[in-house]
Amino acid sequence: MEITVTGRHVTVPERFRRHIEEKLTKVPQLDPRVNRCDVVITHEANPRQAKEAERIEITCHAKRSVIRAEASADDVYGALDIAMTRLGERLRRTSDKRRVHRGRKQPTSVHDATSAIALPDMDQTADDTPLPAHIAKVGGDEDCPIHIREKVHTGTPMGVDQALNAMELVGHDFYLYQDAETGRPCVVYRRRGWSYGVIQLDVVEEPPAANTA
């Protein structure tokens, strides 16, 4: 299994890299399909964020799926332990779901497969901290208090069930995808309780403006 470790605003010591690799040796035991793990370590320099100064994101890439977990703590070892616990829960849920599907010829519901998943902590960017390259000010205005975080992800056309499963695996409350039947951009999202919604985008081209000349 390939492992990459990247530091943002921080240099990752070799000793901690080895510690991460030792922790990730458990991943193939939980899901043999995982072939790559990307670990991103971010240091928050703002002293007001001291309790969440160290942030770790772990993304496991398997065949046709991505499993992700993240956590923040006041030290990198504590953040890694929390992130690994969340990652282990998601990998076990994914493995259990596949076994139920093969044994009973019927997949488990999204609720049963993900009921114990812990949602990741939402990161906060301090006003007085330099913004990373993937976060932009609205309209490029440095005085604007609104920040936009930009992210591009790759995917293949899929159905609603597949999109819901992908949303739960990455631990988000929404998931953007292209519908396999209609070709429309769609978003599935979590509502109250264990209900879900789907938003489909129907692109309508505006008619050309009439020539008044």
N, C-alpha and C. Protein backbone atom coordinates (compact mmCIF):
# COMPACT_ATOMS: atom_id res chain seq x y z
N MET A 1 0.84 -1.19 0.00
CA MET A 1 0.00 0.00 0.00
C MET A 1 0.88 1.24 0.00
N GLU A 2 0.58 2.18 -0.87
CA GLU A 2 1.34 3.42 -0.98
C GLU A 2 0.87 4.43 0.06
N ILE A 3 1.81 5.07 0.73
CA ILE A 3 1.49 6.06 1.76
C ILE A 3 2.22 7.36 1.45
N THR A 4 1.49 8.46 1.39
CA THR A 4 2.10 9.78 1.20
C THR A 4 1.74 10.65 2.39
N VAL A 5 2.72 11.38 2.91
CA VAL A 5 2.52 12.26 4.05
C VAL A 5 2.93 13.67 3.64
N THR A 6 2.01 14.62 3.79
CA THR A 6 2.25 16.00 3.38
C THR A 6 2.00 16.95 4.55
N GLY A 7 2.87 17.92 4.72
CA GLY A 7 2.70 18.92 5.77
C GLY A 7 2.33 20.27 5.19
N ARG A 8 1.31 20.91 5.75
CA ARG A 8 0.93 22.27 5.36
C ARG A 8 1.27 23.21 6.51
N HIS A 9 2.13 24.17 6.23
CA HIS A 9 2.59 25.13 7.24
C HIS A 9 3.37 24.43 8.36
N VAL A 10 3.90 23.25 8.09
CA VAL A 10 4.64 22.51 9.11
C VAL A 10 5.56 21.51 8.43
N THR A 11 6.71 21.26 9.04
CA THR A 11 7.63 20.22 8.57
C THR A 11 7.38 18.96 9.38
N VAL A 12 7.15 17.85 8.70
CA VAL A 12 6.82 16.60 9.38
C VAL A 12 8.11 15.86 9.72
N PRO A 13 8.41 15.64 11.00
CA PRO A 13 9.62 14.92 11.38
C PRO A 13 9.60 13.49 10.86
N GLU A 14 10.77 12.96 10.57
CA GLU A 14 10.87 11.58 10.07
C GLU A 14 10.32 10.58 11.08
N ARG A 15 10.53 10.86 12.36
CA ARG A 15 10.03 9.95 13.40
C ARG A 15 8.51 9.85 13.36
N PHE A 16 7.86 11.01 13.16
CA PHE A 16 6.39 10.98 13.10
C PHE A 16 5.89 10.33 11.81
N ARG A 17 6.64 10.48 10.72
CA ARG A 17 6.28 9.79 9.48
C ARG A 17 6.27 8.28 9.70
N ARG A 18 7.29 7.78 10.38
CA ARG A 18 7.35 6.34 10.65
C ARG A 18 6.20 5.91 11.55
N HIS A 19 5.84 6.78 12.51
CA HIS A 19 4.73 6.47 13.40
C HIS A 19 3.42 6.38 12.61
N ILE A 20 3.22 7.28 11.66
CA ILE A 20 2.03 7.24 10.80
C ILE A 20 1.98 5.95 10.00
N GLU A 21 3.12 5.58 9.42
CA GLU A 21 3.17 4.35 8.62
C GLU A 21 2.84 3.12 9.46
N GLU A 22 3.32 3.09 10.70
CA GLU A 22 3.01 1.97 11.59
C GLU A 22 1.50 1.91 11.88
N LYS A 23 0.90 3.08 12.11
CA LYS A 23 -0.54 3.12 12.38
C LYS A 23 -1.34 2.63 11.16
N LEU A 24 -0.90 3.01 9.97
CA LEU A 24 -1.65 2.69 8.76
C LEU A 24 -1.47 1.25 8.31
N THR A 25 -0.59 0.50 8.95
CA THR A 25 -0.45 -0.92 8.60
C THR A 25 -1.73 -1.70 8.92
N LYS A 26 -2.60 -1.13 9.77
CA LYS A 26 -3.87 -1.79 10.10
C LYS A 26 -4.90 -1.66 8.99
N VAL A 27 -4.71 -0.68 8.10
CA VAL A 27 -5.71 -0.41 7.08
C VAL A 27 -5.96 -1.61 6.17
N PRO A 28 -4.92 -2.27 5.59
CA PRO A 28 -5.18 -3.42 4.72
C PRO A 28 -5.89 -4.57 5.43
N GLN A 29 -5.73 -4.66 6.75
CA GLN A 29 -6.43 -5.70 7.49
C GLN A 29 -7.93 -5.43 7.53
N LEU A 30 -8.30 -4.15 7.58
CA LEU A 30 -9.71 -3.78 7.62
C LEU A 30 -10.33 -3.75 6.22
N ASP A 31 -9.54 -3.34 5.23
CA ASP A 31 -10.04 -3.29 3.85
C ASP A 31 -8.87 -3.56 2.90
N PRO A 32 -8.73 -4.80 2.43
CA PRO A 32 -7.61 -5.14 1.54
C PRO A 32 -7.64 -4.40 0.21
N ARG A 33 -8.78 -3.78 -0.14
CA ARG A 33 -8.87 -3.09 -1.42
C ARG A 33 -8.15 -1.74 -1.43
N VAL A 34 -7.84 -1.21 -0.26
CA VAL A 34 -7.17 0.09 -0.19
C VAL A 34 -5.76 -0.04 -0.74
N ASN A 35 -5.44 0.77 -1.74
CA ASN A 35 -4.11 0.71 -2.35
C ASN A 35 -3.27 1.96 -2.11
N ARG A 36 -3.90 3.03 -1.57
CA ARG A 36 -3.14 4.25 -1.30
C ARG A 36 -3.76 5.04 -0.17
N CYS A 37 -2.92 5.59 0.68
CA CYS A 37 -3.38 6.45 1.78
C CYS A 37 -2.63 7.77 1.70
N ASP A 38 -3.38 8.86 1.69
CA ASP A 38 -2.80 10.20 1.69
C ASP A 38 -3.06 10.84 3.05
N VAL A 39 -2.01 11.29 3.69
CA VAL A 39 -2.11 11.93 5.00
C VAL A 39 -1.65 13.38 4.88
N VAL A 40 -2.50 14.31 5.32
CA VAL A 40 -2.17 15.73 5.27
C VAL A 40 -2.19 16.27 6.71
N ILE A 41 -1.08 16.87 7.11
CA ILE A 41 -0.94 17.44 8.45
C ILE A 41 -0.90 18.96 8.32
N THR A 42 -1.79 19.63 9.05
CA THR A 42 -1.88 21.09 8.98
C THR A 42 -1.67 21.67 10.36
N HIS A 43 -0.82 22.68 10.45
CA HIS A 43 -0.59 23.37 11.71
C HIS A 43 -1.27 24.73 11.70
N GLU A 44 -2.07 24.99 12.72
CA GLU A 44 -2.76 26.28 12.87
C GLU A 44 -1.92 27.16 13.79
N ALA A 45 -1.39 28.24 13.22
CA ALA A 45 -0.48 29.09 13.98
C ALA A 45 -1.20 30.05 14.92
N ASN A 46 -2.50 30.24 14.72
CA ASN A 46 -3.25 31.19 15.55
C ASN A 46 -3.35 30.66 16.98
N PRO A 47 -2.86 31.37 17.99
CA PRO A 47 -2.92 30.87 19.37
C PRO A 47 -4.34 30.68 19.88
N ARG A 48 -5.32 31.35 19.28
CA ARG A 48 -6.71 31.17 19.72
C ARG A 48 -7.23 29.79 19.34
N GLN A 49 -6.54 29.10 18.41
CA GLN A 49 -6.94 27.77 17.99
C GLN A 49 -6.02 26.71 18.60
N ALA A 50 -5.43 26.99 19.76
CA ALA A 50 -4.41 26.11 20.33
C ALA A 50 -4.94 24.70 20.59
N LYS A 51 -6.21 24.59 21.00
CA LYS A 51 -6.76 23.27 21.30
C LYS A 51 -6.96 22.43 20.04
N GLU A 52 -6.97 23.08 18.89
CA GLU A 52 -7.12 22.36 17.62
C GLU A 52 -6.00 22.78 16.67
N ALA A 53 -4.81 23.00 17.24
CA ALA A 53 -3.70 23.52 16.45
C ALA A 53 -3.18 22.53 15.43
N GLU A 54 -3.29 21.24 15.73
CA GLU A 54 -2.77 20.21 14.83
C GLU A 54 -3.94 19.45 14.20
N ARG A 55 -3.96 19.45 12.88
CA ARG A 55 -5.07 18.82 12.15
C ARG A 55 -4.50 17.75 11.23
N ILE A 56 -5.14 16.59 11.23
CA ILE A 56 -4.71 15.47 10.38
C ILE A 56 -5.89 14.98 9.56
N GLU A 57 -5.67 14.86 8.27
CA GLU A 57 -6.67 14.31 7.35
C GLU A 57 -6.09 13.05 6.70
N ILE A 58 -6.84 11.97 6.76
CA ILE A 58 -6.42 10.70 6.16
C ILE A 58 -7.43 10.32 5.08
N THR A 59 -6.95 10.10 3.88
CA THR A 59 -7.81 9.71 2.77
C THR A 59 -7.31 8.39 2.20
N CYS A 60 -8.17 7.37 2.25
CA CYS A 60 -7.82 6.05 1.73
C CYS A 60 -8.51 5.85 0.38
N HIS A 61 -7.74 5.46 -0.59
CA HIS A 61 -8.25 5.23 -1.94
C HIS A 61 -8.35 3.73 -2.20
N ALA A 62 -9.57 3.27 -2.45
CA ALA A 62 -9.82 1.88 -2.79
C ALA A 62 -10.48 1.83 -4.16
N LYS A 63 -10.73 0.65 -4.64
CA LYS A 63 -11.35 0.51 -5.95
C LYS A 63 -12.76 1.09 -5.91
N ARG A 64 -12.99 2.15 -6.69
CA ARG A 64 -14.29 2.79 -6.84
C ARG A 64 -14.81 3.45 -5.57
N SER A 65 -13.97 3.69 -4.59
CA SER A 65 -14.44 4.34 -3.37
C SER A 65 -13.30 5.08 -2.69
N VAL A 66 -13.69 6.08 -1.89
CA VAL A 66 -12.75 6.86 -1.10
C VAL A 66 -13.27 6.92 0.32
N ILE A 67 -12.42 6.56 1.28
CA ILE A 67 -12.79 6.60 2.70
C ILE A 67 -11.91 7.65 3.36
N ARG A 68 -12.54 8.56 4.09
CA ARG A 68 -11.79 9.70 4.62
C ARG A 68 -12.14 9.94 6.09
N ALA A 69 -11.14 10.37 6.85
CA ALA A 69 -11.36 10.75 8.25
C ALA A 69 -10.40 11.88 8.59
N GLU A 70 -10.81 12.72 9.52
CA GLU A 70 -9.97 13.83 9.93
C GLU A 70 -10.23 14.15 11.39
N ALA A 71 -9.27 14.82 12.02
CA ALA A 71 -9.41 15.17 13.42
C ALA A 71 -8.43 16.29 13.75
N SER A 72 -8.74 17.02 14.84
CA SER A 72 -7.88 18.10 15.32
C SER A 72 -7.65 17.93 16.81
N ALA A 73 -6.45 18.30 17.26
CA ALA A 73 -6.11 18.21 18.68
C ALA A 73 -4.97 19.19 18.96
N ASP A 74 -4.53 19.23 20.22
CA ASP A 74 -3.46 20.15 20.56
C ASP A 74 -2.08 19.59 20.26
N ASP A 75 -1.99 18.30 19.87
CA ASP A 75 -0.72 17.74 19.44
C ASP A 75 -0.99 16.73 18.33
N VAL A 76 0.01 16.48 17.49
CA VAL A 76 -0.18 15.66 16.30
C VAL A 76 -0.47 14.20 16.66
N TYR A 77 0.11 13.70 17.74
CA TYR A 77 -0.12 12.31 18.11
C TYR A 77 -1.56 12.10 18.54
N GLY A 78 -2.10 13.05 19.30
CA GLY A 78 -3.49 12.94 19.69
C GLY A 78 -4.43 13.05 18.51
N ALA A 79 -4.15 13.97 17.58
CA ALA A 79 -4.98 14.11 16.38
C ALA A 79 -4.94 12.85 15.53
N LEU A 80 -3.75 12.23 15.43
CA LEU A 80 -3.63 11.00 14.64
C LEU A 80 -4.45 9.87 15.26
N ASP A 81 -4.40 9.74 16.58
CA ASP A 81 -5.16 8.67 17.24
C ASP A 81 -6.67 8.84 16.99
N ILE A 82 -7.16 10.07 17.09
CA ILE A 82 -8.59 10.31 16.87
C ILE A 82 -8.96 10.01 15.42
N ALA A 83 -8.14 10.49 14.49
CA ALA A 83 -8.42 10.26 13.07
C ALA A 83 -8.39 8.78 12.74
N MET A 84 -7.45 8.03 13.31
CA MET A 84 -7.37 6.59 13.04
C MET A 84 -8.59 5.86 13.60
N THR A 85 -9.09 6.30 14.76
CA THR A 85 -10.30 5.68 15.32
C THR A 85 -11.49 5.88 14.40
N ARG A 86 -11.65 7.08 13.89
CA ARG A 86 -12.76 7.36 12.97
C ARG A 86 -12.58 6.60 11.66
N LEU A 87 -11.34 6.55 11.17
CA LEU A 87 -11.09 5.82 9.93
C LEU A 87 -11.38 4.34 10.10
N GLY A 88 -10.98 3.77 11.22
CA GLY A 88 -11.24 2.35 11.47
C GLY A 88 -12.72 2.03 11.50
N GLU A 89 -13.52 2.93 12.11
CA GLU A 89 -14.97 2.72 12.15
C GLU A 89 -15.55 2.70 10.74
N ARG A 90 -15.10 3.60 9.88
CA ARG A 90 -15.64 3.67 8.52
C ARG A 90 -15.20 2.48 7.68
N LEU A 91 -13.96 2.05 7.87
CA LEU A 91 -13.49 0.89 7.12
C LEU A 91 -14.24 -0.38 7.54
N ARG A 92 -14.50 -0.51 8.83
CA ARG A 92 -15.26 -1.69 9.30
C ARG A 92 -16.68 -1.66 8.78
N ARG A 93 -17.31 -0.49 8.79
CA ARG A 93 -18.68 -0.39 8.27
C ARG A 93 -18.72 -0.76 6.80
N THR A 94 -17.74 -0.29 6.04
CA THR A 94 -17.69 -0.61 4.61
C THR A 94 -17.53 -2.10 4.39
N SER A 95 -16.64 -2.73 5.16
CA SER A 95 -16.41 -4.17 5.04
C SER A 95 -17.65 -4.97 5.44
N ASP A 96 -18.31 -4.55 6.54
CA ASP A 96 -19.53 -5.25 6.98
C ASP A 96 -20.63 -5.14 5.93
N LYS A 97 -20.74 -3.99 5.32
CA LYS A 97 -21.77 -3.79 4.31
C LYS A 97 -21.57 -4.72 3.12
N ARG A 98 -20.32 -4.91 2.70
CA ARG A 98 -20.05 -5.80 1.57
C ARG A 98 -20.38 -7.23 1.94
N ARG A 99 -20.06 -7.65 3.18
CA ARG A 99 -20.35 -9.03 3.58
C ARG A 99 -21.84 -9.29 3.63
N VAL A 100 -22.62 -8.34 4.16
CA VAL A 100 -24.07 -8.51 4.20
C VAL A 100 -24.64 -8.58 2.79
N HIS A 101 -24.11 -7.76 1.90
CA HIS A 101 -24.61 -7.74 0.52
C HIS A 101 -24.37 -9.08 -0.16
N ARG A 102 -23.21 -9.68 0.06
CA ARG A 102 -22.90 -10.94 -0.60
C ARG A 102 -23.63 -12.12 0.04
N GLY A 103 -23.82 -12.05 1.37
CA GLY A 103 -24.41 -13.19 2.05
C GLY A 103 -25.93 -13.26 1.89
N ARG A 104 -26.60 -12.11 1.98
CA ARG A 104 -28.05 -12.10 1.93
C ARG A 104 -28.61 -11.66 0.57
N LYS A 105 -27.74 -11.35 -0.32
CA LYS A 105 -28.16 -10.87 -1.65
C LYS A 105 -28.96 -9.59 -1.58
N GLN A 106 -28.78 -8.86 -0.47
CA GLN A 106 -29.51 -7.60 -0.31
C GLN A 106 -28.63 -6.64 0.49
N PRO A 107 -28.34 -5.47 -0.05
CA PRO A 107 -27.46 -4.53 0.65
C PRO A 107 -28.13 -3.94 1.87
N THR A 108 -27.32 -3.57 2.86
CA THR A 108 -27.86 -2.90 4.04
C THR A 108 -28.25 -1.48 3.68
N SER A 109 -29.07 -0.90 4.51
CA SER A 109 -29.47 0.49 4.29
C SER A 109 -28.32 1.41 4.65
N VAL A 110 -28.41 2.65 4.18
CA VAL A 110 -27.40 3.64 4.52
C VAL A 110 -27.38 3.87 6.03
N HIS A 111 -28.55 3.84 6.66
CA HIS A 111 -28.63 4.04 8.11
C HIS A 111 -27.87 2.96 8.85
N ASP A 112 -28.11 1.67 8.51
CA ASP A 112 -27.45 0.58 9.21
C ASP A 112 -25.95 0.57 8.96
N ALA A 113 -25.57 0.92 7.75
CA ALA A 113 -24.16 0.85 7.40
C ALA A 113 -23.35 1.99 7.97
N THR A 114 -24.01 3.07 8.39
CA THR A 114 -23.24 4.26 8.79
C THR A 114 -23.69 4.84 10.12
N SER A 115 -24.48 4.12 10.91
CA SER A 115 -25.07 4.69 12.11
C SER A 115 -24.02 5.08 13.15
N ALA A 116 -22.86 4.44 13.15
CA ALA A 116 -21.84 4.75 14.16
C ALA A 116 -20.75 5.65 13.64
N ILE A 117 -20.93 6.21 12.45
CA ILE A 117 -19.89 7.07 11.89
C ILE A 117 -19.87 8.41 12.62
N ALA A 118 -18.69 8.83 13.04
CA ALA A 118 -18.54 10.15 13.67
C ALA A 118 -18.20 11.17 12.62
N LEU A 119 -18.92 12.27 12.64
CA LEU A 119 -18.67 13.33 11.66
C LEU A 119 -17.38 14.05 12.01
N PRO A 120 -16.60 14.46 10.99
CA PRO A 120 -15.34 15.15 11.26
C PRO A 120 -15.57 16.55 11.80
N ASP A 121 -14.57 17.03 12.51
CA ASP A 121 -14.63 18.40 13.01
C ASP A 121 -14.49 19.36 11.85
N MET A 122 -15.27 20.42 11.84
CA MET A 122 -15.19 21.44 10.79
C MET A 122 -14.05 22.39 11.12
N ASP A 123 -13.17 22.59 10.16
CA ASP A 123 -12.02 23.45 10.39
C ASP A 123 -12.44 24.91 10.29
N GLN A 124 -11.67 25.76 10.96
CA GLN A 124 -11.93 27.19 10.96
C GLN A 124 -10.64 27.91 10.57
N THR A 125 -10.80 28.92 9.73
CA THR A 125 -9.65 29.71 9.32
C THR A 125 -9.70 31.05 10.04
N ALA A 126 -8.67 31.35 10.81
CA ALA A 126 -8.67 32.60 11.59
C ALA A 126 -8.51 33.79 10.67
N ASP A 127 -9.12 34.90 11.09
CA ASP A 127 -9.08 36.10 10.27
C ASP A 127 -7.67 36.62 10.09
N ASP A 128 -6.81 36.44 11.13
CA ASP A 128 -5.47 37.00 11.06
C ASP A 128 -4.44 35.99 10.62
N THR A 129 -4.85 34.86 10.07
CA THR A 129 -3.93 33.84 9.59
C THR A 129 -3.90 33.87 8.08
N PRO A 130 -2.70 33.83 7.45
CA PRO A 130 -2.64 33.81 5.98
C PRO A 130 -3.42 32.64 5.42
N LEU A 131 -4.19 32.88 4.37
CA LEU A 131 -5.03 31.85 3.79
C LEU A 131 -4.21 30.94 2.89
N PRO A 132 -4.43 29.59 2.96
CA PRO A 132 -3.78 28.69 2.01
C PRO A 132 -4.24 28.98 0.59
N ALA A 133 -3.53 28.38 -0.37
CA ALA A 133 -3.79 28.69 -1.77
C ALA A 133 -5.18 28.25 -2.22
N HIS A 134 -5.74 27.20 -1.56
CA HIS A 134 -7.04 26.70 -2.00
C HIS A 134 -8.21 27.43 -1.34
N ILE A 135 -7.92 28.49 -0.60
CA ILE A 135 -8.98 29.30 0.00
C ILE A 135 -8.85 30.71 -0.57
N ALA A 136 -9.94 31.25 -1.08
CA ALA A 136 -9.88 32.55 -1.73
C ALA A 136 -10.86 33.51 -1.07
N LYS A 137 -10.57 34.80 -1.16
CA LYS A 137 -11.50 35.84 -0.75
C LYS A 137 -12.51 36.05 -1.87
N VAL A 138 -13.73 36.39 -1.50
CA VAL A 138 -14.76 36.65 -2.49
C VAL A 138 -14.35 37.83 -3.36
N GLY A 139 -14.32 37.61 -4.65
CA GLY A 139 -13.96 38.68 -5.58
C GLY A 139 -12.52 39.12 -5.47
N GLY A 140 -11.68 38.37 -4.76
CA GLY A 140 -10.29 38.75 -4.60
C GLY A 140 -10.08 39.92 -3.66
N ASP A 141 -11.11 40.32 -2.94
CA ASP A 141 -11.04 41.47 -2.04
C ASP A 141 -10.46 41.03 -0.70
N GLU A 142 -9.27 41.50 -0.34
CA GLU A 142 -8.62 41.10 0.89
C GLU A 142 -9.35 41.60 2.12
N ASP A 143 -10.19 42.64 1.98
CA ASP A 143 -10.94 43.18 3.11
C ASP A 143 -12.26 42.46 3.33
N CYS A 144 -12.63 41.58 2.42
CA CYS A 144 -13.91 40.87 2.55
C CYS A 144 -13.79 39.78 3.61
N PRO A 145 -14.74 39.71 4.56
CA PRO A 145 -14.65 38.72 5.64
C PRO A 145 -15.06 37.32 5.20
N ILE A 146 -15.61 37.18 4.00
CA ILE A 146 -16.10 35.88 3.54
C ILE A 146 -14.99 35.14 2.81
N HIS A 147 -14.78 33.88 3.18
CA HIS A 147 -13.77 33.05 2.54
C HIS A 147 -14.47 31.96 1.73
N ILE A 148 -13.88 31.60 0.61
CA ILE A 148 -14.40 30.50 -0.20
C ILE A 148 -13.32 29.44 -0.31
N ARG A 149 -13.62 28.22 0.13
CA ARG A 149 -12.68 27.11 0.02
C ARG A 149 -12.96 26.35 -1.29
N GLU A 150 -11.97 26.28 -2.14
CA GLU A 150 -12.14 25.65 -3.44
C GLU A 150 -11.59 24.22 -3.42
N LYS A 151 -12.35 23.30 -3.98
CA LYS A 151 -11.90 21.91 -4.04
C LYS A 151 -12.46 21.26 -5.30
N VAL A 152 -11.63 20.50 -5.99
CA VAL A 152 -12.04 19.77 -7.19
C VAL A 152 -11.87 18.28 -6.92
N HIS A 153 -12.91 17.50 -7.16
CA HIS A 153 -12.80 16.06 -6.99
C HIS A 153 -13.23 15.36 -8.27
N THR A 154 -12.63 14.23 -8.55
CA THR A 154 -12.95 13.46 -9.75
C THR A 154 -13.99 12.40 -9.40
N GLY A 155 -14.76 12.00 -10.39
CA GLY A 155 -15.77 10.99 -10.16
C GLY A 155 -16.32 10.48 -11.47
N THR A 156 -17.13 9.45 -11.39
CA THR A 156 -17.78 8.86 -12.55
C THR A 156 -19.29 8.98 -12.37
N PRO A 157 -20.06 8.97 -13.46
CA PRO A 157 -21.51 9.01 -13.34
C PRO A 157 -22.02 7.88 -12.45
N MET A 158 -23.02 8.16 -11.62
CA MET A 158 -23.52 7.17 -10.68
C MET A 158 -24.99 7.42 -10.39
N GLY A 159 -25.60 6.47 -9.67
CA GLY A 159 -26.98 6.60 -9.24
C GLY A 159 -27.07 7.21 -7.85
N VAL A 160 -28.31 7.43 -7.40
CA VAL A 160 -28.52 8.06 -6.09
C VAL A 160 -27.96 7.20 -4.97
N ASP A 161 -28.19 5.87 -5.03
CA ASP A 161 -27.70 4.99 -3.97
C ASP A 161 -26.19 5.05 -3.85
N GLN A 162 -25.50 5.06 -4.99
CA GLN A 162 -24.05 5.14 -4.97
C GLN A 162 -23.59 6.48 -4.40
N ALA A 163 -24.29 7.55 -4.74
CA ALA A 163 -23.92 8.87 -4.24
C ALA A 163 -24.10 8.96 -2.72
N LEU A 164 -25.20 8.38 -2.20
CA LEU A 164 -25.41 8.37 -0.76
C LEU A 164 -24.30 7.60 -0.04
N ASN A 165 -23.92 6.47 -0.61
CA ASN A 165 -22.86 5.67 -0.01
C ASN A 165 -21.54 6.45 -0.01
N ALA A 166 -21.23 7.11 -1.13
CA ALA A 166 -20.00 7.90 -1.21
C ALA A 166 -20.03 9.06 -0.22
N MET A 167 -21.18 9.68 -0.04
CA MET A 167 -21.31 10.79 0.92
C MET A 167 -21.01 10.32 2.34
N GLU A 168 -21.52 9.16 2.71
CA GLU A 168 -21.30 8.66 4.06
C GLU A 168 -19.84 8.26 4.27
N LEU A 169 -19.21 7.73 3.22
CA LEU A 169 -17.82 7.30 3.37
C LEU A 169 -16.88 8.47 3.62
N VAL A 170 -17.15 9.62 3.01
CA VAL A 170 -16.28 10.78 3.23
C VAL A 170 -16.71 11.60 4.43
N GLY A 171 -17.86 11.25 5.04
CA GLY A 171 -18.29 11.92 6.27
C GLY A 171 -18.82 13.31 6.09
N HIS A 172 -19.38 13.62 4.93
CA HIS A 172 -19.94 14.95 4.69
C HIS A 172 -21.47 14.91 4.75
N ASP A 173 -22.10 16.09 4.78
CA ASP A 173 -23.55 16.18 4.78
C ASP A 173 -24.12 16.36 3.39
N PHE A 174 -23.28 16.40 2.38
CA PHE A 174 -23.74 16.52 1.00
C PHE A 174 -22.71 15.87 0.08
N TYR A 175 -23.12 15.58 -1.16
CA TYR A 175 -22.18 14.98 -2.12
C TYR A 175 -22.62 15.38 -3.53
N LEU A 176 -21.68 15.91 -4.29
CA LEU A 176 -21.92 16.34 -5.66
C LEU A 176 -21.55 15.22 -6.63
N TYR A 177 -22.44 14.94 -7.59
CA TYR A 177 -22.16 13.87 -8.54
C TYR A 177 -22.92 14.13 -9.83
N GLN A 178 -22.61 13.34 -10.86
CA GLN A 178 -23.34 13.39 -12.13
C GLN A 178 -24.23 12.18 -12.23
N ASP A 179 -25.51 12.40 -12.46
CA ASP A 179 -26.46 11.30 -12.53
C ASP A 179 -26.21 10.46 -13.78
N ALA A 180 -26.14 9.14 -13.59
CA ALA A 180 -25.80 8.24 -14.70
C ALA A 180 -26.91 8.18 -15.75
N GLU A 181 -28.17 8.39 -15.34
CA GLU A 181 -29.29 8.27 -16.28
C GLU A 181 -29.55 9.58 -17.02
N THR A 182 -29.58 10.69 -16.31
CA THR A 182 -29.93 11.96 -16.93
C THR A 182 -28.73 12.78 -17.37
N GLY A 183 -27.55 12.49 -16.79
CA GLY A 183 -26.37 13.29 -17.10
C GLY A 183 -26.35 14.64 -16.40
N ARG A 184 -27.34 14.91 -15.55
CA ARG A 184 -27.41 16.21 -14.87
C ARG A 184 -26.48 16.24 -13.66
N PRO A 185 -25.93 17.42 -13.34
CA PRO A 185 -25.23 17.59 -12.06
C PRO A 185 -26.26 17.50 -10.93
N CYS A 186 -25.94 16.74 -9.89
CA CYS A 186 -26.87 16.54 -8.78
C CYS A 186 -26.12 16.62 -7.46
N VAL A 187 -26.88 16.88 -6.40
CA VAL A 187 -26.34 16.89 -5.04
C VAL A 187 -27.29 16.11 -4.14
N VAL A 188 -26.76 15.11 -3.44
CA VAL A 188 -27.53 14.46 -2.39
C VAL A 188 -27.12 15.10 -1.06
N TYR A 189 -28.05 15.21 -0.13
CA TYR A 189 -27.74 15.86 1.13
C TYR A 189 -28.54 15.23 2.25
N ARG A 190 -28.01 15.39 3.47
CA ARG A 190 -28.64 14.83 4.65
C ARG A 190 -29.67 15.80 5.21
N ARG A 191 -30.86 15.30 5.51
CA ARG A 191 -31.87 16.10 6.18
C ARG A 191 -31.96 15.67 7.64
N ARG A 192 -33.00 16.04 8.33
CA ARG A 192 -33.14 15.67 9.73
C ARG A 192 -33.34 14.16 9.86
N GLY A 193 -32.82 13.64 10.97
CA GLY A 193 -32.94 12.21 11.18
C GLY A 193 -32.12 11.45 10.14
N TRP A 194 -32.73 10.40 9.58
CA TRP A 194 -32.05 9.61 8.55
C TRP A 194 -32.79 9.72 7.23
N SER A 195 -33.23 10.92 6.90
CA SER A 195 -33.81 11.17 5.59
C SER A 195 -32.83 11.97 4.74
N TYR A 196 -33.00 11.86 3.44
CA TYR A 196 -32.06 12.48 2.52
C TYR A 196 -32.83 13.23 1.43
N GLY A 197 -32.14 14.12 0.75
CA GLY A 197 -32.72 14.86 -0.35
C GLY A 197 -31.79 14.85 -1.55
N VAL A 198 -32.35 15.14 -2.72
CA VAL A 198 -31.58 15.20 -3.96
C VAL A 198 -31.94 16.48 -4.69
N ILE A 199 -30.94 17.24 -5.09
CA ILE A 199 -31.13 18.43 -5.91
C ILE A 199 -30.52 18.17 -7.27
N GLN A 200 -31.32 18.35 -8.34
CA GLN A 200 -30.84 18.18 -9.70
C GLN A 200 -30.80 19.53 -10.40
N LEU A 201 -29.73 19.74 -11.16
CA LEU A 201 -29.57 21.00 -11.88
C LEU A 201 -29.99 20.81 -13.33
N ASP A 202 -31.03 21.54 -13.72
CA ASP A 202 -31.50 21.51 -15.11
C ASP A 202 -31.03 22.80 -15.77
N VAL A 203 -29.99 22.69 -16.58
CA VAL A 203 -29.40 23.87 -17.22
C VAL A 203 -30.26 24.31 -18.37
N VAL A 204 -30.72 25.54 -18.34
CA VAL A 204 -31.56 26.09 -19.39
C VAL A 204 -30.80 27.23 -20.05
N GLU A 205 -30.58 27.10 -21.33
CA GLU A 205 -29.86 28.16 -22.05
C GLU A 205 -30.81 29.34 -22.30
N GLU A 206 -30.32 30.53 -22.00
CA GLU A 206 -31.14 31.73 -22.24
C GLU A 206 -31.23 31.98 -23.72
N PRO A 207 -32.43 32.35 -24.21
CA PRO A 207 -32.55 32.66 -25.63
C PRO A 207 -31.76 33.90 -25.98
N PRO A 208 -31.26 33.99 -27.20
CA PRO A 208 -30.49 35.19 -27.57
C PRO A 208 -31.36 36.45 -27.51
N ALA A 209 -30.72 37.54 -27.11
CA ALA A 209 -31.45 38.79 -26.98
C ALA A 209 -31.94 39.25 -28.34
N ALA A 210 -33.16 39.79 -28.36
CA ALA A 210 -33.75 40.24 -29.62
C ALA A 210 -33.00 41.46 -30.14
N ASN A 211 -32.83 41.50 -31.44
CA ASN A 211 -32.11 42.61 -32.07
C ASN A 211 -33.11 43.75 -32.30
N THR A 212 -32.91 44.82 -31.56
CA THR A 212 -33.84 45.96 -31.65
C THR A 212 -33.39 46.99 -32.67
N ALA A 213 -32.25 46.69 -33.29
CA ALA A 213 -31.77 47.69 -34.26
C ALA A 213 -32.65 47.72 -35.49
